[in-house]
Amino acid sequence: MNHKGLVLQIACSVICLLLLASCGSPRGDIDGNIVGAGTEEPLQRANIILCLLPEDESNFLCTLQAAPTAVSDSSGTFTISNVPVGNYVLMYGIPGELVFSADEWEGVRVTKAEPCMRNMHNAVCQSSEDPEGVFWKEGGTLIGDAIFKLGSPDEEPESTVVSTGGGAYTFQGAVRSDHTGISIMIVKGELAPVVHVKAGETTDIEWQVTGR
């Protein structure tokens, strides 16, 4: 191959790489601040964890993502950069409670909790028949104030997450997974907060955490 041919081949390779880079999955950023709802004190050194919501209806609620992630600073501020476009539930883990590392929580699915008899401080239960790696594998512990509303056992529970033996409950507050050490807010029976990441845009969120 002559000199001109080699230069042309290199130029074509560079162009192809640039095209591939520009055609990668669209991404956005998340800027946020996380504080205690009661104290309004910043939650420091918290790992901010994304849980990807499915595009269509599924038998699971969301899937934990190992990356990208962030850690809040002394003022509770965090930035998660280069987040693939999609809808995410924000979760968090703090030192002393977070059990899993990022590679361990990657792909763990948050599923619907099964009814079972537990202390009211451990109101989230998970069937032992569910697959390994589920978020509620060993149950969940309430870590803040909660509002419960007893419903009829014969009715579909409003809450997709919390239920106990003898009845379904609408739950609002915070729960920590005993399996992962990751905490999550539940508002009106739904996982929260939900962030919608759009291509080339920065989503801002002010996040108040119950019980902190």
N, C-alpha and C. Protein backbone atom coordinates (compact mmCIF):
# COMPACT_ATOMS: atom_id res chain seq x y z
N MET A 1 0.86 -1.20 0.00
CA MET A 1 0.00 0.00 0.00
C MET A 1 0.88 1.24 0.00
N ASN A 2 0.59 2.21 -0.92
CA ASN A 2 1.41 3.42 -0.99
C ASN A 2 1.03 4.39 0.12
N HIS A 3 1.81 5.49 0.18
CA HIS A 3 1.63 6.46 1.26
C HIS A 3 0.24 7.09 1.24
N LYS A 4 -0.23 7.47 0.05
CA LYS A 4 -1.55 8.09 -0.07
C LYS A 4 -2.66 7.14 0.36
N GLY A 5 -2.50 5.85 -0.01
CA GLY A 5 -3.50 4.86 0.36
C GLY A 5 -3.58 4.67 1.87
N LEU A 6 -2.40 4.69 2.52
CA LEU A 6 -2.35 4.53 3.96
C LEU A 6 -3.01 5.71 4.67
N VAL A 7 -2.71 6.92 4.17
CA VAL A 7 -3.31 8.13 4.75
C VAL A 7 -4.83 8.09 4.60
N LEU A 8 -5.31 7.67 3.42
CA LEU A 8 -6.74 7.59 3.17
C LEU A 8 -7.41 6.58 4.10
N GLN A 9 -6.74 5.43 4.31
CA GLN A 9 -7.30 4.40 5.18
C GLN A 9 -7.40 4.91 6.63
N ILE A 10 -6.36 5.61 7.10
CA ILE A 10 -6.37 6.16 8.45
C ILE A 10 -7.49 7.19 8.60
N ALA A 11 -7.63 8.05 7.56
CA ALA A 11 -8.66 9.08 7.59
C ALA A 11 -10.05 8.45 7.65
N CYS A 12 -10.25 7.41 6.88
CA CYS A 12 -11.55 6.71 6.88
C CYS A 12 -11.83 6.08 8.23
N SER A 13 -10.78 5.52 8.85
CA SER A 13 -10.94 4.89 10.17
C SER A 13 -11.34 5.91 11.21
N VAL A 14 -10.69 7.08 11.16
CA VAL A 14 -11.01 8.15 12.11
C VAL A 14 -12.44 8.61 11.94
N ILE A 15 -12.87 8.79 10.69
CA ILE A 15 -14.24 9.22 10.42
C ILE A 15 -15.24 8.20 10.94
N CYS A 16 -14.94 6.93 10.73
CA CYS A 16 -15.84 5.87 11.19
C CYS A 16 -15.98 5.89 12.71
N LEU A 17 -14.84 6.09 13.41
CA LEU A 17 -14.86 6.14 14.86
C LEU A 17 -15.68 7.33 15.36
N LEU A 18 -15.52 8.47 14.68
CA LEU A 18 -16.28 9.66 15.05
C LEU A 18 -17.77 9.45 14.84
N LEU A 19 -18.12 8.78 13.75
CA LEU A 19 -19.52 8.51 13.46
C LEU A 19 -20.12 7.58 14.50
N LEU A 20 -19.33 6.56 14.90
CA LEU A 20 -19.80 5.62 15.90
C LEU A 20 -20.03 6.33 17.24
N ALA A 21 -19.10 7.24 17.56
CA ALA A 21 -19.21 7.97 18.82
C ALA A 21 -20.45 8.86 18.82
N SER A 22 -20.68 9.51 17.68
CA SER A 22 -21.82 10.43 17.60
C SER A 22 -23.15 9.68 17.56
N CYS A 23 -23.11 8.42 17.17
CA CYS A 23 -24.33 7.63 17.07
C CYS A 23 -24.57 6.78 18.30
N GLY A 24 -23.75 6.98 19.36
CA GLY A 24 -23.94 6.24 20.59
C GLY A 24 -25.25 6.61 21.25
N SER A 25 -25.59 5.87 22.33
CA SER A 25 -26.87 6.13 22.99
C SER A 25 -26.93 7.56 23.52
N PRO A 26 -28.03 8.27 23.28
CA PRO A 26 -28.18 9.64 23.77
C PRO A 26 -28.16 9.68 25.29
N ARG A 27 -27.57 10.74 25.84
CA ARG A 27 -27.40 10.83 27.29
C ARG A 27 -27.72 12.21 27.81
N GLY A 28 -27.97 12.28 29.11
CA GLY A 28 -28.21 13.53 29.80
C GLY A 28 -27.56 13.50 31.16
N ASP A 29 -27.80 14.53 31.97
CA ASP A 29 -27.20 14.64 33.30
C ASP A 29 -28.28 14.86 34.35
N ILE A 30 -27.94 14.54 35.60
CA ILE A 30 -28.82 14.79 36.73
C ILE A 30 -28.05 15.60 37.77
N ASP A 31 -28.57 16.76 38.13
CA ASP A 31 -28.03 17.56 39.23
C ASP A 31 -29.04 17.52 40.37
N GLY A 32 -28.56 17.24 41.58
CA GLY A 32 -29.52 17.14 42.68
C GLY A 32 -28.95 17.53 44.02
N ASN A 33 -29.87 17.59 44.98
CA ASN A 33 -29.51 17.87 46.36
C ASN A 33 -30.38 16.99 47.25
N ILE A 34 -29.76 16.26 48.18
CA ILE A 34 -30.49 15.33 49.02
C ILE A 34 -30.35 15.74 50.48
N VAL A 35 -31.50 15.93 51.15
CA VAL A 35 -31.51 16.38 52.54
C VAL A 35 -32.54 15.58 53.33
N GLY A 36 -32.43 15.63 54.65
CA GLY A 36 -33.41 15.00 55.51
C GLY A 36 -34.70 15.80 55.53
N ALA A 37 -35.83 15.13 55.39
CA ALA A 37 -37.11 15.84 55.32
C ALA A 37 -37.45 16.53 56.64
N GLY A 38 -37.09 15.91 57.77
CA GLY A 38 -37.40 16.49 59.06
C GLY A 38 -36.42 17.56 59.49
N THR A 39 -35.14 17.30 59.24
CA THR A 39 -34.09 18.20 59.72
C THR A 39 -33.63 19.20 58.66
N GLU A 40 -33.86 18.86 57.39
CA GLU A 40 -33.35 19.63 56.25
C GLU A 40 -31.83 19.71 56.24
N GLU A 41 -31.20 18.80 57.01
CA GLU A 41 -29.74 18.69 56.99
C GLU A 41 -29.32 17.90 55.76
N PRO A 42 -28.21 18.30 55.11
CA PRO A 42 -27.76 17.56 53.92
C PRO A 42 -27.34 16.14 54.26
N LEU A 43 -27.66 15.23 53.37
CA LEU A 43 -27.24 13.83 53.51
C LEU A 43 -25.88 13.69 52.82
N GLN A 44 -24.83 13.56 53.63
CA GLN A 44 -23.46 13.57 53.11
C GLN A 44 -22.97 12.16 52.79
N ARG A 45 -22.10 12.08 51.81
CA ARG A 45 -21.42 10.83 51.42
C ARG A 45 -22.41 9.72 51.07
N ALA A 46 -23.56 10.09 50.55
CA ALA A 46 -24.55 9.10 50.14
C ALA A 46 -24.28 8.68 48.69
N ASN A 47 -24.26 7.39 48.46
CA ASN A 47 -24.19 6.89 47.09
C ASN A 47 -25.56 7.06 46.44
N ILE A 48 -25.61 7.79 45.34
CA ILE A 48 -26.86 7.98 44.62
C ILE A 48 -26.93 6.90 43.54
N ILE A 49 -27.98 6.11 43.57
CA ILE A 49 -28.07 4.90 42.74
C ILE A 49 -29.29 4.99 41.83
N LEU A 50 -29.10 4.71 40.56
CA LEU A 50 -30.19 4.74 39.59
C LEU A 50 -30.83 3.37 39.46
N CYS A 51 -32.16 3.37 39.36
CA CYS A 51 -32.91 2.13 39.13
C CYS A 51 -33.76 2.35 37.88
N LEU A 52 -33.42 1.68 36.80
CA LEU A 52 -34.04 1.90 35.50
C LEU A 52 -35.44 1.30 35.43
N LEU A 53 -36.41 2.14 35.07
CA LEU A 53 -37.78 1.67 34.90
C LEU A 53 -37.92 1.02 33.52
N PRO A 54 -38.70 -0.05 33.41
CA PRO A 54 -38.88 -0.71 32.11
C PRO A 54 -39.69 0.16 31.18
N GLU A 55 -39.46 0.02 29.88
CA GLU A 55 -40.20 0.80 28.89
C GLU A 55 -41.65 0.35 28.78
N ASP A 56 -41.88 -0.93 29.04
CA ASP A 56 -43.25 -1.44 28.98
C ASP A 56 -43.59 -2.10 30.31
N GLU A 57 -44.84 -2.46 30.47
CA GLU A 57 -45.30 -3.08 31.71
C GLU A 57 -44.58 -4.40 31.93
N SER A 58 -44.14 -4.63 33.16
CA SER A 58 -43.38 -5.83 33.45
C SER A 58 -43.74 -6.34 34.84
N ASN A 59 -43.24 -7.54 35.16
CA ASN A 59 -43.52 -8.09 36.49
C ASN A 59 -42.50 -7.61 37.51
N PHE A 60 -41.56 -6.76 37.13
CA PHE A 60 -40.67 -6.13 38.09
C PHE A 60 -40.81 -4.62 37.97
N LEU A 61 -40.35 -3.89 38.97
CA LEU A 61 -40.58 -2.46 39.04
C LEU A 61 -39.45 -1.66 38.39
N CYS A 62 -38.21 -2.00 38.71
CA CYS A 62 -37.06 -1.34 38.09
C CYS A 62 -35.81 -2.17 38.32
N THR A 63 -34.71 -1.83 37.64
CA THR A 63 -33.47 -2.59 37.73
C THR A 63 -32.33 -1.67 38.16
N LEU A 64 -31.61 -2.04 39.21
CA LEU A 64 -30.50 -1.23 39.71
C LEU A 64 -29.36 -1.16 38.70
N GLN A 65 -28.77 0.03 38.58
CA GLN A 65 -27.68 0.27 37.64
C GLN A 65 -26.37 0.51 38.39
N ALA A 66 -25.30 -0.17 37.99
CA ALA A 66 -24.00 0.02 38.63
C ALA A 66 -23.40 1.37 38.26
N ALA A 67 -23.67 1.83 37.08
CA ALA A 67 -23.11 3.10 36.59
C ALA A 67 -24.07 3.69 35.56
N PRO A 68 -24.06 5.02 35.45
CA PRO A 68 -23.28 5.96 36.26
C PRO A 68 -23.89 6.14 37.64
N THR A 69 -23.08 6.63 38.56
CA THR A 69 -23.54 6.90 39.92
C THR A 69 -22.79 8.10 40.44
N ALA A 70 -23.10 8.51 41.67
CA ALA A 70 -22.43 9.68 42.25
C ALA A 70 -22.47 9.56 43.76
N VAL A 71 -21.67 10.39 44.43
CA VAL A 71 -21.67 10.48 45.89
C VAL A 71 -21.93 11.93 46.27
N SER A 72 -22.87 12.15 47.19
CA SER A 72 -23.21 13.52 47.59
C SER A 72 -22.08 14.14 48.41
N ASP A 73 -21.91 15.46 48.28
CA ASP A 73 -20.85 16.14 49.01
C ASP A 73 -21.36 16.64 50.36
N SER A 74 -20.59 17.50 51.02
CA SER A 74 -20.93 17.95 52.37
C SER A 74 -22.23 18.76 52.42
N SER A 75 -22.64 19.29 51.27
CA SER A 75 -23.89 20.06 51.22
C SER A 75 -25.04 19.22 50.68
N GLY A 76 -24.81 17.93 50.46
CA GLY A 76 -25.84 17.04 49.93
C GLY A 76 -26.01 17.13 48.43
N THR A 77 -25.10 17.86 47.77
CA THR A 77 -25.20 18.06 46.32
C THR A 77 -24.52 16.92 45.56
N PHE A 78 -25.09 16.54 44.42
CA PHE A 78 -24.48 15.50 43.59
C PHE A 78 -24.78 15.77 42.12
N THR A 79 -23.92 15.23 41.26
CA THR A 79 -24.12 15.28 39.81
C THR A 79 -23.86 13.90 39.24
N ILE A 80 -24.80 13.40 38.47
CA ILE A 80 -24.60 12.15 37.74
C ILE A 80 -24.54 12.49 36.26
N SER A 81 -23.38 12.26 35.66
CA SER A 81 -23.15 12.67 34.27
C SER A 81 -23.27 11.49 33.32
N ASN A 82 -23.59 11.80 32.06
CA ASN A 82 -23.66 10.81 30.98
C ASN A 82 -24.63 9.67 31.31
N VAL A 83 -25.82 10.03 31.72
CA VAL A 83 -26.86 9.05 32.03
C VAL A 83 -27.62 8.70 30.75
N PRO A 84 -27.69 7.42 30.38
CA PRO A 84 -28.48 7.06 29.20
C PRO A 84 -29.92 7.54 29.33
N VAL A 85 -30.48 8.02 28.25
CA VAL A 85 -31.86 8.51 28.25
C VAL A 85 -32.81 7.42 28.78
N GLY A 86 -33.71 7.81 29.64
CA GLY A 86 -34.67 6.86 30.19
C GLY A 86 -35.29 7.40 31.46
N ASN A 87 -36.10 6.59 32.09
CA ASN A 87 -36.77 6.96 33.34
C ASN A 87 -36.18 6.15 34.49
N TYR A 88 -35.81 6.84 35.55
CA TYR A 88 -35.12 6.20 36.66
C TYR A 88 -35.75 6.55 38.00
N VAL A 89 -35.76 5.58 38.91
CA VAL A 89 -36.05 5.85 40.31
C VAL A 89 -34.71 6.11 40.99
N LEU A 90 -34.63 7.18 41.79
CA LEU A 90 -33.41 7.46 42.53
C LEU A 90 -33.45 6.74 43.87
N MET A 91 -32.38 6.00 44.18
CA MET A 91 -32.21 5.35 45.47
C MET A 91 -30.89 5.81 46.06
N TYR A 92 -30.64 5.47 47.31
CA TYR A 92 -29.40 5.92 47.93
C TYR A 92 -28.90 4.90 48.96
N GLY A 93 -27.59 4.94 49.20
CA GLY A 93 -26.99 4.11 50.23
C GLY A 93 -26.00 4.96 51.01
N ILE A 94 -26.03 4.86 52.34
CA ILE A 94 -25.13 5.66 53.15
C ILE A 94 -24.16 4.76 53.91
N PRO A 95 -22.99 5.30 54.28
CA PRO A 95 -21.99 4.50 54.99
C PRO A 95 -22.58 3.87 56.25
N GLY A 96 -22.24 2.62 56.47
CA GLY A 96 -22.75 1.91 57.63
C GLY A 96 -24.03 1.14 57.35
N GLU A 97 -24.71 1.50 56.27
CA GLU A 97 -25.94 0.80 55.90
C GLU A 97 -25.81 0.09 54.55
N LEU A 98 -25.05 0.69 53.64
CA LEU A 98 -24.90 0.12 52.30
C LEU A 98 -24.07 -1.15 52.38
N VAL A 99 -24.65 -2.27 51.99
CA VAL A 99 -24.00 -3.57 52.07
C VAL A 99 -23.34 -3.94 50.75
N PHE A 100 -24.01 -3.68 49.64
CA PHE A 100 -23.51 -4.07 48.33
C PHE A 100 -22.58 -3.01 47.75
N SER A 101 -21.64 -3.46 46.91
CA SER A 101 -20.85 -2.56 46.08
C SER A 101 -21.54 -2.46 44.73
N ALA A 102 -21.08 -1.51 43.90
CA ALA A 102 -21.76 -1.27 42.62
C ALA A 102 -21.84 -2.52 41.76
N ASP A 103 -20.77 -3.30 41.70
CA ASP A 103 -20.79 -4.49 40.85
C ASP A 103 -21.75 -5.54 41.39
N GLU A 104 -22.06 -5.49 42.71
CA GLU A 104 -22.99 -6.45 43.29
C GLU A 104 -24.44 -6.04 43.07
N TRP A 105 -24.71 -4.73 43.07
CA TRP A 105 -26.10 -4.33 42.87
C TRP A 105 -26.46 -4.19 41.40
N GLU A 106 -25.49 -4.27 40.50
CA GLU A 106 -25.77 -4.20 39.06
C GLU A 106 -26.78 -5.26 38.64
N GLY A 107 -27.86 -4.82 38.03
CA GLY A 107 -28.85 -5.74 37.48
C GLY A 107 -29.82 -6.31 38.51
N VAL A 108 -29.68 -5.96 39.78
CA VAL A 108 -30.62 -6.46 40.79
C VAL A 108 -32.00 -5.85 40.54
N ARG A 109 -33.01 -6.67 40.54
CA ARG A 109 -34.35 -6.20 40.22
C ARG A 109 -35.16 -5.90 41.47
N VAL A 110 -35.85 -4.78 41.43
CA VAL A 110 -36.80 -4.44 42.48
C VAL A 110 -38.12 -5.06 42.07
N THR A 111 -38.61 -5.99 42.89
CA THR A 111 -39.82 -6.72 42.56
C THR A 111 -40.95 -6.34 43.51
N LYS A 112 -42.12 -6.84 43.24
CA LYS A 112 -43.25 -6.61 44.13
C LYS A 112 -43.10 -7.50 45.37
N ALA A 113 -43.28 -6.89 46.54
CA ALA A 113 -43.15 -7.65 47.78
C ALA A 113 -44.35 -8.56 47.97
N GLU A 114 -44.09 -9.72 48.59
CA GLU A 114 -45.15 -10.68 48.84
C GLU A 114 -45.70 -10.49 50.25
N PRO A 115 -46.98 -10.78 50.47
CA PRO A 115 -47.54 -10.68 51.82
C PRO A 115 -46.87 -11.67 52.77
N CYS A 116 -46.64 -11.25 54.02
CA CYS A 116 -46.09 -12.15 55.02
C CYS A 116 -46.26 -11.52 56.39
N MET A 117 -46.10 -12.30 57.44
CA MET A 117 -46.25 -11.81 58.79
C MET A 117 -44.90 -11.30 59.28
N ARG A 118 -44.81 -10.00 59.53
CA ARG A 118 -43.57 -9.40 60.03
C ARG A 118 -43.92 -8.28 61.00
N ASN A 119 -42.98 -7.94 61.84
CA ASN A 119 -43.13 -6.77 62.69
C ASN A 119 -43.38 -5.55 61.84
N MET A 120 -44.14 -4.57 62.34
CA MET A 120 -44.45 -3.40 61.55
C MET A 120 -43.20 -2.59 61.18
N HIS A 121 -42.10 -2.81 61.92
CA HIS A 121 -40.86 -2.12 61.57
C HIS A 121 -40.14 -2.84 60.43
N ASN A 122 -40.60 -4.01 60.11
CA ASN A 122 -40.06 -4.77 58.97
C ASN A 122 -41.22 -5.17 58.07
N ALA A 123 -41.82 -4.15 57.46
CA ALA A 123 -43.10 -4.35 56.80
C ALA A 123 -43.00 -4.87 55.37
N VAL A 124 -41.81 -4.90 54.81
CA VAL A 124 -41.66 -5.37 53.44
C VAL A 124 -41.09 -6.78 53.45
N CYS A 125 -41.75 -7.68 52.77
CA CYS A 125 -41.32 -9.08 52.77
C CYS A 125 -41.14 -9.58 51.34
N GLN A 126 -40.38 -10.64 51.19
CA GLN A 126 -40.14 -11.18 49.86
C GLN A 126 -40.25 -12.69 49.90
N SER A 127 -40.99 -13.25 48.98
CA SER A 127 -41.15 -14.70 48.92
C SER A 127 -39.81 -15.37 48.65
N SER A 128 -39.55 -16.47 49.36
CA SER A 128 -38.30 -17.22 49.17
C SER A 128 -38.27 -17.92 47.82
N GLU A 129 -39.41 -17.97 47.15
CA GLU A 129 -39.47 -18.63 45.84
C GLU A 129 -38.99 -17.72 44.71
N ASP A 130 -38.81 -16.43 45.02
CA ASP A 130 -38.35 -15.51 43.98
C ASP A 130 -36.88 -15.73 43.69
N PRO A 131 -36.41 -15.33 42.50
CA PRO A 131 -35.03 -15.59 42.09
C PRO A 131 -34.01 -14.85 42.93
N GLU A 132 -32.77 -15.35 42.91
CA GLU A 132 -31.68 -14.68 43.62
C GLU A 132 -31.49 -13.27 43.07
N GLY A 133 -31.07 -12.37 43.94
CA GLY A 133 -30.73 -11.03 43.49
C GLY A 133 -31.86 -10.04 43.57
N VAL A 134 -33.07 -10.44 44.02
CA VAL A 134 -34.16 -9.49 44.11
C VAL A 134 -33.88 -8.50 45.24
N PHE A 135 -34.36 -7.27 45.06
CA PHE A 135 -34.10 -6.19 46.00
C PHE A 135 -34.58 -6.52 47.41
N TRP A 136 -35.76 -7.13 47.51
CA TRP A 136 -36.37 -7.41 48.81
C TRP A 136 -36.06 -8.83 49.29
N LYS A 137 -34.98 -9.40 48.84
CA LYS A 137 -34.67 -10.80 49.13
C LYS A 137 -34.80 -11.16 50.61
N GLU A 138 -34.25 -10.33 51.48
CA GLU A 138 -34.30 -10.60 52.91
C GLU A 138 -35.26 -9.65 53.64
N GLY A 139 -36.14 -9.03 52.87
CA GLY A 139 -37.09 -8.10 53.47
C GLY A 139 -36.56 -6.68 53.48
N GLY A 140 -37.32 -5.79 54.11
CA GLY A 140 -36.93 -4.39 54.18
C GLY A 140 -37.30 -3.80 55.52
N THR A 141 -36.55 -2.81 55.97
CA THR A 141 -36.75 -2.21 57.28
C THR A 141 -37.16 -0.76 57.15
N LEU A 142 -38.20 -0.36 57.86
CA LEU A 142 -38.61 1.04 57.87
C LEU A 142 -37.53 1.87 58.55
N ILE A 143 -37.14 2.98 57.94
CA ILE A 143 -36.11 3.83 58.53
C ILE A 143 -36.63 5.24 58.78
N GLY A 144 -37.93 5.43 58.67
CA GLY A 144 -38.49 6.76 58.91
C GLY A 144 -39.96 6.66 59.21
N ASP A 145 -40.59 7.81 59.38
CA ASP A 145 -42.03 7.84 59.64
C ASP A 145 -42.78 7.23 58.46
N ALA A 146 -43.89 6.60 58.76
CA ALA A 146 -44.67 5.95 57.71
C ALA A 146 -46.15 6.18 57.96
N ILE A 147 -46.92 6.22 56.90
CA ILE A 147 -48.37 6.33 56.97
C ILE A 147 -48.94 5.04 56.39
N PHE A 148 -49.70 4.31 57.18
CA PHE A 148 -50.31 3.07 56.71
C PHE A 148 -51.82 3.24 56.61
N LYS A 149 -52.40 2.64 55.61
CA LYS A 149 -53.85 2.64 55.46
C LYS A 149 -54.28 1.22 55.15
N LEU A 150 -55.00 0.62 56.07
CA LEU A 150 -55.42 -0.77 55.91
C LEU A 150 -56.46 -0.89 54.81
N GLY A 151 -56.25 -1.86 53.92
CA GLY A 151 -57.19 -2.12 52.85
C GLY A 151 -57.75 -3.53 52.95
N SER A 152 -58.72 -3.82 52.18
CA SER A 152 -59.31 -5.16 52.19
C SER A 152 -58.36 -6.16 51.56
N PRO A 153 -58.15 -7.33 52.20
CA PRO A 153 -57.28 -8.36 51.62
C PRO A 153 -57.76 -8.85 50.27
N ASP A 154 -59.07 -8.65 49.99
CA ASP A 154 -59.63 -9.12 48.73
C ASP A 154 -59.41 -8.13 47.59
N GLU A 155 -58.97 -6.92 47.93
CA GLU A 155 -58.77 -5.90 46.92
C GLU A 155 -57.31 -5.82 46.51
N GLU A 156 -57.07 -5.37 45.29
CA GLU A 156 -55.70 -5.15 44.82
C GLU A 156 -55.09 -4.02 45.63
N PRO A 157 -53.95 -4.25 46.29
CA PRO A 157 -53.36 -3.20 47.12
C PRO A 157 -52.92 -2.00 46.29
N GLU A 158 -53.12 -0.79 46.85
CA GLU A 158 -52.68 0.41 46.16
C GLU A 158 -51.16 0.44 46.07
N SER A 159 -50.51 -0.02 47.13
CA SER A 159 -49.06 -0.03 47.13
C SER A 159 -48.53 -1.21 46.33
N THR A 160 -47.55 -0.95 45.49
CA THR A 160 -46.93 -2.04 44.72
C THR A 160 -45.80 -2.68 45.50
N VAL A 161 -45.48 -2.16 46.68
CA VAL A 161 -44.28 -2.61 47.37
C VAL A 161 -44.56 -3.21 48.73
N VAL A 162 -45.36 -2.57 49.54
CA VAL A 162 -45.50 -2.98 50.93
C VAL A 162 -46.80 -3.71 51.18
N SER A 163 -46.70 -4.87 51.80
CA SER A 163 -47.89 -5.59 52.21
C SER A 163 -47.54 -6.47 53.40
N THR A 164 -48.52 -6.78 54.23
CA THR A 164 -48.31 -7.63 55.40
C THR A 164 -49.43 -8.63 55.48
N GLY A 165 -49.22 -9.67 56.28
CA GLY A 165 -50.27 -10.67 56.44
C GLY A 165 -51.55 -10.06 56.98
N GLY A 166 -52.68 -10.41 56.40
CA GLY A 166 -53.96 -9.94 56.90
C GLY A 166 -54.51 -8.72 56.20
N GLY A 167 -53.76 -8.10 55.32
CA GLY A 167 -54.29 -6.94 54.63
C GLY A 167 -53.24 -6.21 53.84
N ALA A 168 -53.70 -5.39 52.92
CA ALA A 168 -52.79 -4.59 52.09
C ALA A 168 -52.72 -3.19 52.67
N TYR A 169 -51.55 -2.56 52.51
CA TYR A 169 -51.34 -1.24 53.08
C TYR A 169 -50.85 -0.26 52.03
N THR A 170 -51.42 0.93 52.06
CA THR A 170 -50.82 2.04 51.32
C THR A 170 -49.75 2.61 52.23
N PHE A 171 -48.56 2.73 51.73
CA PHE A 171 -47.42 3.11 52.57
C PHE A 171 -46.74 4.35 52.01
N GLN A 172 -46.33 5.22 52.91
CA GLN A 172 -45.55 6.37 52.50
C GLN A 172 -44.44 6.59 53.51
N GLY A 173 -43.22 6.65 53.04
CA GLY A 173 -42.09 6.82 53.94
C GLY A 173 -40.81 6.34 53.30
N ALA A 174 -39.94 5.72 54.10
CA ALA A 174 -38.66 5.24 53.58
C ALA A 174 -38.41 3.83 54.07
N VAL A 175 -37.82 3.01 53.20
CA VAL A 175 -37.51 1.63 53.52
C VAL A 175 -36.09 1.32 53.06
N ARG A 176 -35.36 0.58 53.87
CA ARG A 176 -34.04 0.11 53.48
C ARG A 176 -34.09 -1.39 53.20
N SER A 177 -33.56 -1.81 52.08
CA SER A 177 -33.50 -3.23 51.74
C SER A 177 -32.50 -3.92 52.67
N ASP A 178 -32.95 -4.95 53.37
CA ASP A 178 -32.04 -5.70 54.24
C ASP A 178 -31.03 -6.49 53.43
N HIS A 179 -31.33 -6.70 52.16
CA HIS A 179 -30.46 -7.49 51.28
C HIS A 179 -29.30 -6.67 50.73
N THR A 180 -29.57 -5.42 50.36
CA THR A 180 -28.56 -4.59 49.70
C THR A 180 -28.06 -3.44 50.56
N GLY A 181 -28.85 -3.03 51.54
CA GLY A 181 -28.51 -1.84 52.31
C GLY A 181 -28.86 -0.55 51.60
N ILE A 182 -29.55 -0.66 50.48
CA ILE A 182 -29.96 0.51 49.70
C ILE A 182 -31.33 0.98 50.18
N SER A 183 -31.47 2.29 50.34
CA SER A 183 -32.72 2.88 50.82
C SER A 183 -33.51 3.48 49.68
N ILE A 184 -34.83 3.53 49.89
CA ILE A 184 -35.72 4.01 48.84
C ILE A 184 -36.91 4.73 49.47
N MET A 185 -37.37 5.77 48.81
CA MET A 185 -38.57 6.48 49.24
C MET A 185 -39.78 5.86 48.53
N ILE A 186 -40.89 5.81 49.26
CA ILE A 186 -42.14 5.36 48.68
C ILE A 186 -43.19 6.42 48.97
N VAL A 187 -43.79 6.97 47.94
CA VAL A 187 -44.78 8.03 48.07
C VAL A 187 -46.08 7.58 47.44
N LYS A 188 -47.15 7.55 48.25
CA LYS A 188 -48.47 7.11 47.77
C LYS A 188 -48.40 5.74 47.12
N GLY A 189 -47.61 4.87 47.72
CA GLY A 189 -47.51 3.49 47.25
C GLY A 189 -46.62 3.29 46.05
N GLU A 190 -45.91 4.32 45.60
CA GLU A 190 -45.05 4.20 44.42
C GLU A 190 -43.60 4.52 44.78
N LEU A 191 -42.67 3.85 44.09
CA LEU A 191 -41.26 4.15 44.26
C LEU A 191 -41.01 5.60 43.84
N ALA A 192 -40.14 6.30 44.58
CA ALA A 192 -39.91 7.72 44.30
C ALA A 192 -38.52 8.14 44.80
N PRO A 193 -37.99 9.24 44.27
CA PRO A 193 -38.52 10.05 43.16
C PRO A 193 -38.16 9.45 41.82
N VAL A 194 -38.95 9.78 40.80
CA VAL A 194 -38.68 9.33 39.43
C VAL A 194 -38.10 10.50 38.64
N VAL A 195 -37.00 10.24 37.93
CA VAL A 195 -36.34 11.27 37.13
C VAL A 195 -36.41 10.86 35.66
N HIS A 196 -36.80 11.79 34.81
CA HIS A 196 -36.88 11.55 33.37
C HIS A 196 -35.65 12.19 32.71
N VAL A 197 -34.73 11.38 32.25
CA VAL A 197 -33.48 11.87 31.64
C VAL A 197 -33.68 12.02 30.14
N LYS A 198 -33.42 13.24 29.63
CA LYS A 198 -33.56 13.53 28.20
C LYS A 198 -32.21 13.83 27.58
N ALA A 199 -32.09 13.56 26.29
CA ALA A 199 -30.82 13.73 25.59
C ALA A 199 -30.33 15.17 25.65
N GLY A 200 -29.09 15.35 26.06
CA GLY A 200 -28.47 16.66 26.06
C GLY A 200 -29.00 17.63 27.08
N GLU A 201 -29.84 17.16 28.02
CA GLU A 201 -30.42 18.05 29.01
C GLU A 201 -29.98 17.66 30.42
N THR A 202 -30.01 18.65 31.32
CA THR A 202 -29.71 18.41 32.73
C THR A 202 -31.00 18.49 33.53
N THR A 203 -31.30 17.44 34.27
CA THR A 203 -32.49 17.40 35.11
C THR A 203 -32.11 17.77 36.53
N ASP A 204 -32.78 18.77 37.10
CA ASP A 204 -32.52 19.21 38.47
C ASP A 204 -33.56 18.62 39.41
N ILE A 205 -33.09 18.18 40.59
CA ILE A 205 -34.02 17.60 41.56
C ILE A 205 -33.62 17.98 42.98
N GLU A 206 -34.64 18.38 43.77
CA GLU A 206 -34.47 18.60 45.20
C GLU A 206 -35.13 17.41 45.89
N TRP A 207 -34.36 16.70 46.72
CA TRP A 207 -34.78 15.39 47.20
C TRP A 207 -34.79 15.40 48.73
N GLN A 208 -35.97 15.28 49.32
CA GLN A 208 -36.10 15.21 50.78
C GLN A 208 -36.35 13.78 51.19
N VAL A 209 -35.51 13.30 52.11
CA VAL A 209 -35.53 11.89 52.50
C VAL A 209 -36.16 11.75 53.88
N THR A 210 -37.22 10.98 53.98
CA THR A 210 -37.90 10.76 55.25
C THR A 210 -36.99 10.02 56.23
N GLY A 211 -37.03 10.45 57.50
CA GLY A 211 -36.30 9.74 58.54
C GLY A 211 -34.83 10.09 58.62
N ARG A 212 -34.38 11.11 57.89
CA ARG A 212 -32.96 11.49 57.93
C ARG A 212 -32.82 12.90 58.45
